[in-house]
Amino acid sequence: MMPRGSKFWRGGLILYLAMPIDLVPDFVPIAGQLDDGIIVALVLRHVLRRAGEDPIRQHWPGPESSLETLMKFVKPSHRAPGE
């Protein structure tokens, strides 16, 4: 189950991406799209950290090597037993 705070951040991200008004307007070269990408990355990092490592590993569809790369950046707060 996802914590309430994570649902709030995820919902806020969806609203931000759907709104026509951005921190940096999209017509500004590079920075217009970069701000959206940075906000998405920060919110996803927050949500994944709150979820912990076990649910991420359980639902990861990709190869183990890419999961390990993700874990280096996310550093989930809850470790699997025995680690």
Protein backbone atom coordinates (compact mmCIF):
# COMPACT_ATOMS: atom_id res chain seq x y z
CA MET A 1 0.00 0.00 0.00
CA MET A 2 1.29 3.44 -0.93
CA PRO A 3 1.63 5.98 1.90
CA ARG A 4 -0.79 8.91 1.79
CA GLY A 5 2.04 11.43 1.39
CA SER A 6 3.32 9.59 -1.68
CA LYS A 7 -0.15 9.65 -3.20
CA PHE A 8 -0.24 13.40 -2.61
CA TRP A 9 3.11 13.91 -4.38
CA ARG A 10 2.12 11.65 -7.26
CA GLY A 11 -1.19 13.47 -7.70
CA GLY A 12 0.59 16.81 -7.57
CA LEU A 13 2.99 15.66 -10.25
CA ILE A 14 0.14 14.62 -12.54
CA LEU A 15 -1.57 17.98 -12.03
CA TYR A 16 1.67 19.88 -12.67
CA LEU A 17 2.33 17.99 -15.90
CA ALA A 18 -1.27 18.47 -17.07
CA MET A 19 -1.33 22.23 -16.38
CA PRO A 20 -0.42 24.52 -19.28
CA ILE A 21 1.60 26.75 -16.91
CA ASP A 22 5.14 25.58 -16.01
CA LEU A 23 7.96 26.97 -13.89
CA VAL A 24 9.85 27.47 -17.16
CA PRO A 25 7.64 27.78 -20.28
CA ASP A 26 8.05 24.93 -22.77
CA PHE A 27 8.91 27.29 -25.62
CA VAL A 28 12.24 28.13 -23.90
CA PRO A 29 14.78 25.83 -25.58
CA ILE A 30 16.08 22.96 -23.44
CA ALA A 31 15.13 24.50 -20.06
CA GLY A 32 11.41 24.30 -20.87
CA GLN A 33 11.47 20.51 -21.03
CA LEU A 34 14.30 20.07 -18.54
CA ASP A 35 12.31 21.51 -15.62
CA ASP A 36 9.55 18.95 -16.22
CA GLY A 37 12.09 16.12 -16.30
CA ILE A 38 13.75 17.26 -13.09
CA ILE A 39 10.43 17.52 -11.26
CA VAL A 40 9.38 14.06 -12.47
CA ALA A 41 12.72 12.58 -11.34
CA LEU A 42 12.51 14.18 -7.89
CA VAL A 43 8.92 13.07 -7.27
CA LEU A 44 9.62 9.53 -8.47
CA ARG A 45 12.72 9.38 -6.27
CA HIS A 46 10.66 10.52 -3.28
CA VAL A 47 7.90 7.97 -3.93
CA LEU A 48 10.36 5.11 -4.48
CA ARG A 49 12.28 6.00 -1.31
CA ARG A 50 9.08 5.94 0.71
CA ALA A 51 7.96 2.62 -0.82
CA GLY A 52 11.12 0.82 0.22
CA GLU A 53 13.21 -1.74 -1.57
CA ASP A 54 10.98 -4.82 -1.31
CA PRO A 55 8.01 -3.52 -3.36
CA ILE A 56 10.36 -2.10 -5.99
CA ARG A 57 12.11 -5.46 -6.40
CA GLN A 58 8.79 -7.31 -6.41
CA HIS A 59 7.29 -5.20 -9.23
CA TRP A 60 10.42 -4.50 -11.29
CA PRO A 61 9.82 -5.78 -14.86
CA GLY A 62 13.29 -5.13 -16.24
CA PRO A 63 16.69 -6.76 -15.94
CA GLU A 64 18.48 -7.00 -12.59
CA SER A 65 21.33 -4.77 -13.80
CA SER A 66 19.01 -1.83 -14.46
CA LEU A 67 17.32 -2.35 -11.08
CA GLU A 68 20.69 -2.16 -9.35
CA THR A 69 21.44 1.10 -11.18
CA LEU A 70 18.08 2.51 -10.07
CA MET A 71 18.75 1.47 -6.46
CA LYS A 72 22.02 3.44 -6.46
CA PHE A 73 20.11 6.63 -7.25
CA VAL A 74 17.02 6.00 -5.15
CA LYS A 75 18.59 4.55 -1.99
CA PRO A 76 15.30 3.29 -0.50
CA SER A 77 14.79 3.82 3.21
CA HIS A 78 13.79 0.20 3.97
CA ARG A 79 16.25 -2.54 3.24
CA ALA A 80 15.39 -6.17 2.61
CA PRO A 81 16.01 -8.48 5.58
CA GLY A 82 19.57 -9.76 5.74
CA GLU A 83 21.19 -6.80 3.97
